[in-house]
């Protein structure tokens, strides 16, 4: 049994389900909500590339380096899984430490700023720190993605540094990558902050 494996996590606003091929149409609809693939600083797949992205993430899961999730809203009528709004992952899994990065995340434009991202992060961080026992959890983003950098900082993560000319974007341009992390002794304060933010949205 591995430390990180597919599982379902349920929060106040969202349910994170193990990614499956039959989530394809719902993910396409979520990406079309805001035409997210047109945002140059993100890597959201266009509708015609969604199947390949699902295949890529599931292949990395088979290799043990990623656990991908589909993000759904909780249906207010039933309390169960509702509309698909995006994707997120545990990635770059280091089972020996153990340490993990939370990333490759995107949400439909219509739910941004509604607490869904904070709820998703709370679920993933709680599992990583309290169940798996990670001493640190990492986040990375494009230097020029100021929205993402601000969101990560609001979580309570601290910036570790910048990896300059770290990787290439889909159009071949070199990007600088900003690295953040949360350490295990910082987790209780981060958790309290996230829970307070979510409580205000009831």
Protein backbone atom coordinates (compact mmCIF):
# COMPACT_ATOMS: atom_id res chain seq x y z
CA UNK A 1 0.00 0.00 0.00
CA UNK A 2 1.41 3.40 -0.99
CA UNK A 3 1.20 6.53 1.14
CA UNK A 4 -0.63 8.40 -1.60
CA UNK A 5 -3.31 6.52 -3.52
CA UNK A 6 -6.69 7.35 -5.10
CA UNK A 7 -9.35 8.30 -2.56
CA UNK A 8 -12.39 10.55 -2.21
CA UNK A 9 -12.22 13.61 0.03
CA UNK A 10 -15.37 15.51 1.03
CA UNK A 11 -15.43 19.08 2.32
CA UNK A 12 -18.00 21.83 2.85
CA UNK A 13 -18.28 22.96 -0.75
CA UNK A 14 -16.48 20.36 -2.87
CA UNK A 15 -15.86 16.67 -3.28
CA UNK A 16 -12.54 15.50 -4.69
CA UNK A 17 -12.98 12.25 -6.60
CA UNK A 18 -10.31 10.06 -8.21
CA UNK A 19 -9.99 11.18 -11.84
CA UNK A 20 -11.71 8.86 -14.33
CA UNK A 21 -12.10 8.81 -18.10
CA UNK A 22 -15.86 9.24 -17.80
CA UNK A 23 -15.30 12.68 -16.23
CA UNK A 24 -14.24 13.93 -19.66
CA UNK A 25 -17.42 15.74 -20.72
CA UNK A 26 -17.87 17.43 -17.35
CA UNK A 27 -14.25 18.61 -17.38
CA UNK A 28 -14.64 20.00 -20.89
CA UNK A 29 -17.72 21.95 -19.76
CA UNK A 30 -15.81 23.27 -16.74
CA UNK A 31 -12.89 24.44 -18.89
CA UNK A 32 -15.30 26.13 -21.30
CA UNK A 33 -16.63 28.13 -18.32
CA UNK A 34 -14.29 31.08 -18.86
CA UNK A 35 -12.36 29.52 -21.79
CA UNK A 36 -9.56 28.84 -19.32
CA UNK A 37 -7.18 27.42 -21.93
CA UNK A 38 -6.83 30.92 -23.37
CA UNK A 39 -5.16 32.22 -20.20
CA UNK A 40 -1.53 32.29 -21.28
CA UNK A 41 -0.07 31.78 -17.77
CA UNK A 42 -2.00 28.54 -17.10
CA UNK A 43 -1.92 25.07 -18.64
CA UNK A 44 -5.62 24.23 -18.74
CA UNK A 45 -6.34 21.86 -21.65
CA UNK A 46 -8.57 23.00 -24.49
CA UNK A 47 -11.64 20.81 -25.10
CA UNK A 48 -9.90 18.83 -27.85
CA UNK A 49 -6.96 18.14 -25.54
CA UNK A 50 -8.89 17.06 -22.44
CA UNK A 51 -8.80 13.32 -23.20
CA UNK A 52 -5.03 13.44 -23.62
CA UNK A 53 -4.66 15.35 -20.34
CA UNK A 54 -6.75 12.75 -18.50
CA UNK A 55 -4.58 10.01 -20.02
CA UNK A 56 -1.41 11.87 -19.00
CA UNK A 57 -2.49 12.28 -15.39
CA UNK A 58 -3.65 8.68 -15.09
CA UNK A 59 -0.34 7.46 -16.57
CA UNK A 60 1.56 9.44 -13.92
CA UNK A 61 -0.70 7.87 -11.31
CA UNK A 62 0.29 4.42 -12.59
CA UNK A 63 3.94 5.44 -12.23
CA UNK A 64 3.36 6.51 -8.62
CA UNK A 65 4.25 10.19 -9.07
CA UNK A 66 0.73 11.69 -9.12
CA UNK A 67 -2.72 11.21 -7.60
CA UNK A 68 -5.18 13.19 -9.78
CA UNK A 69 -8.61 14.35 -8.67
CA UNK A 70 -11.73 15.69 -10.33
CA UNK A 71 -13.28 18.53 -8.32
CA UNK A 72 -17.08 18.58 -7.97
CA UNK A 73 -19.42 20.94 -6.20
CA UNK A 74 -21.48 19.38 -3.46
CA UNK A 75 -25.10 19.17 -4.61
CA UNK A 76 -27.07 21.25 -2.06
CA UNK A 77 -30.17 19.12 -2.59
CA UNK A 78 -28.58 15.74 -1.96
CA UNK A 79 -25.27 16.48 -0.24
CA UNK A 80 -23.63 14.24 -2.82
CA UNK A 81 -21.42 14.89 -5.86
CA UNK A 82 -22.71 17.63 -8.12
CA UNK A 83 -21.34 19.54 -11.11
CA UNK A 84 -17.73 19.04 -12.15
CA UNK A 85 -15.78 22.29 -11.79
CA UNK A 86 -12.14 21.36 -12.34
CA UNK A 87 -9.09 19.27 -11.50
CA UNK A 88 -6.31 19.14 -8.92
CA UNK A 89 -3.54 16.71 -7.97
CA UNK A 90 -0.98 15.46 -5.57
CA UNK A 91 2.13 15.49 -7.75
CA UNK A 92 5.90 15.00 -7.60
CA UNK A 93 5.29 12.48 -4.85
CA UNK A 94 8.35 11.68 -2.72
CA UNK A 95 7.26 8.65 -0.72
CA UNK A 96 10.55 8.41 1.15
CA UNK A 97 10.33 11.73 2.99
CA UNK A 98 7.23 11.78 2.51
CA UNK A 99 6.70 15.05 0.67
CA UNK A 100 4.27 16.10 -2.03
CA UNK A 101 3.33 19.04 -4.21
CA UNK A 102 -0.27 20.17 -4.64
CA UNK A 103 -0.67 21.49 -8.15
CA UNK A 104 -1.94 21.19 -11.74
CA UNK A 105 -5.09 22.80 -10.35
CA UNK A 106 -7.77 24.72 -12.21
CA UNK A 107 -11.40 25.61 -11.51
CA UNK A 108 -14.20 26.94 -13.71
CA UNK A 109 -14.34 30.74 -13.84
CA UNK A 110 -17.84 30.91 -12.34
CA UNK A 111 -16.73 29.30 -9.04
CA UNK A 112 -13.50 31.23 -8.55
CA UNK A 113 -13.64 33.31 -5.39
CA UNK A 114 -16.50 31.26 -3.89
CA UNK A 115 -14.47 29.19 -1.42
CA UNK A 116 -14.14 26.08 -3.57
CA UNK A 117 -10.37 26.44 -3.92
CA UNK A 118 -9.85 26.99 -0.19
CA UNK A 119 -12.01 23.96 0.56
CA UNK A 120 -10.07 21.82 -1.90
CA UNK A 121 -6.73 22.92 -0.42
CA UNK A 122 -7.95 22.23 3.12
CA UNK A 123 -8.90 18.68 2.14
CA UNK A 124 -5.60 17.97 0.40
CA UNK A 125 -3.44 19.56 3.08
CA UNK A 126 -5.28 17.85 5.94
CA UNK A 127 -4.82 14.45 4.34
CA UNK A 128 -1.13 15.10 3.57
CA UNK A 129 -0.25 16.34 7.05
CA UNK A 130 -2.65 14.43 9.31
CA UNK A 131 -3.01 11.08 7.53
CA UNK A 132 0.17 10.65 5.50
CA UNK A 133 2.41 12.55 7.92
CA UNK A 134 4.22 14.83 5.49
CA UNK A 135 6.80 17.19 7.06
CA UNK A 136 6.20 19.64 4.21
CA UNK A 137 3.80 20.27 1.33
CA UNK A 138 4.88 22.28 -1.71
CA UNK A 139 3.19 24.58 -4.22
CA UNK A 140 4.65 25.90 -7.48
CA UNK A 141 3.39 28.46 -9.96
CA UNK A 142 4.47 30.67 -12.85
CA UNK A 143 6.30 33.84 -11.76
CA UNK A 144 3.87 35.91 -13.82
CA UNK A 145 0.73 34.20 -12.50
CA UNK A 146 0.07 36.81 -9.83
CA UNK A 147 -3.44 35.50 -9.09
CA UNK A 148 -2.03 32.07 -8.24
CA UNK A 149 0.87 33.48 -6.22
CA UNK A 150 -1.50 35.61 -4.14
CA UNK A 151 -3.85 32.66 -3.59
CA UNK A 152 -0.99 30.44 -2.40
CA UNK A 153 0.29 33.14 -0.06
CA UNK A 154 -3.24 33.57 1.37
CA UNK A 155 -3.16 29.90 2.34
CA UNK A 156 -0.28 30.69 4.66
CA UNK A 157 2.43 29.13 2.49
CA UNK A 158 5.85 30.79 2.53
CA UNK A 159 7.92 31.46 -0.55
CA UNK A 160 11.05 29.30 -0.70
CA UNK A 161 12.52 30.82 -3.83
CA UNK A 162 12.38 31.17 -7.60
CA UNK A 163 13.63 28.58 -10.10
CA UNK A 164 14.74 30.75 -13.01
CA UNK A 165 14.31 29.42 -16.57
CA UNK A 166 12.92 26.35 -14.89
CA UNK A 167 10.68 24.90 -17.60
CA UNK A 168 8.98 25.70 -20.89
CA UNK A 169 5.34 26.59 -21.35
CA UNK A 170 3.20 24.88 -23.98
CA UNK A 171 4.31 27.46 -26.55
CA UNK A 172 7.99 26.86 -25.81
CA UNK A 173 8.70 30.00 -23.75
CA UNK A 174 10.98 29.58 -20.75
CA UNK A 175 9.27 30.32 -17.45
CA UNK A 176 10.46 31.17 -13.95
CA UNK A 177 8.77 29.02 -11.30
CA UNK A 178 7.97 30.31 -7.80
CA UNK A 179 8.19 27.64 -5.07
CA UNK A 180 6.19 27.86 -1.84
CA UNK A 181 5.82 25.41 1.04
CA UNK A 182 3.97 24.79 4.28
CA UNK A 183 5.84 22.93 7.04
CA UNK A 184 4.19 20.57 9.50
CA UNK A 185 4.58 22.92 12.47
CA UNK A 186 2.88 25.67 10.42
CA UNK A 187 -0.06 23.45 9.48
CA UNK A 188 -2.28 24.11 12.57
CA UNK A 189 -2.24 27.87 11.90
CA UNK A 190 -2.83 27.36 8.17
CA UNK A 191 -5.70 24.96 8.94
CA UNK A 192 -7.30 27.46 11.32
CA UNK A 193 -7.05 30.19 8.70
CA UNK A 194 -8.68 28.06 6.03
CA UNK A 195 -11.45 26.91 8.35
CA UNK A 196 -12.14 30.52 9.34
CA UNK A 197 -12.36 31.60 5.68
CA UNK A 198 -14.76 28.77 4.90
CA UNK A 199 -16.92 29.40 7.99
CA UNK A 200 -17.52 32.97 6.81
CA UNK A 201 -19.04 31.61 3.58
CA UNK A 202 -21.80 29.59 5.26
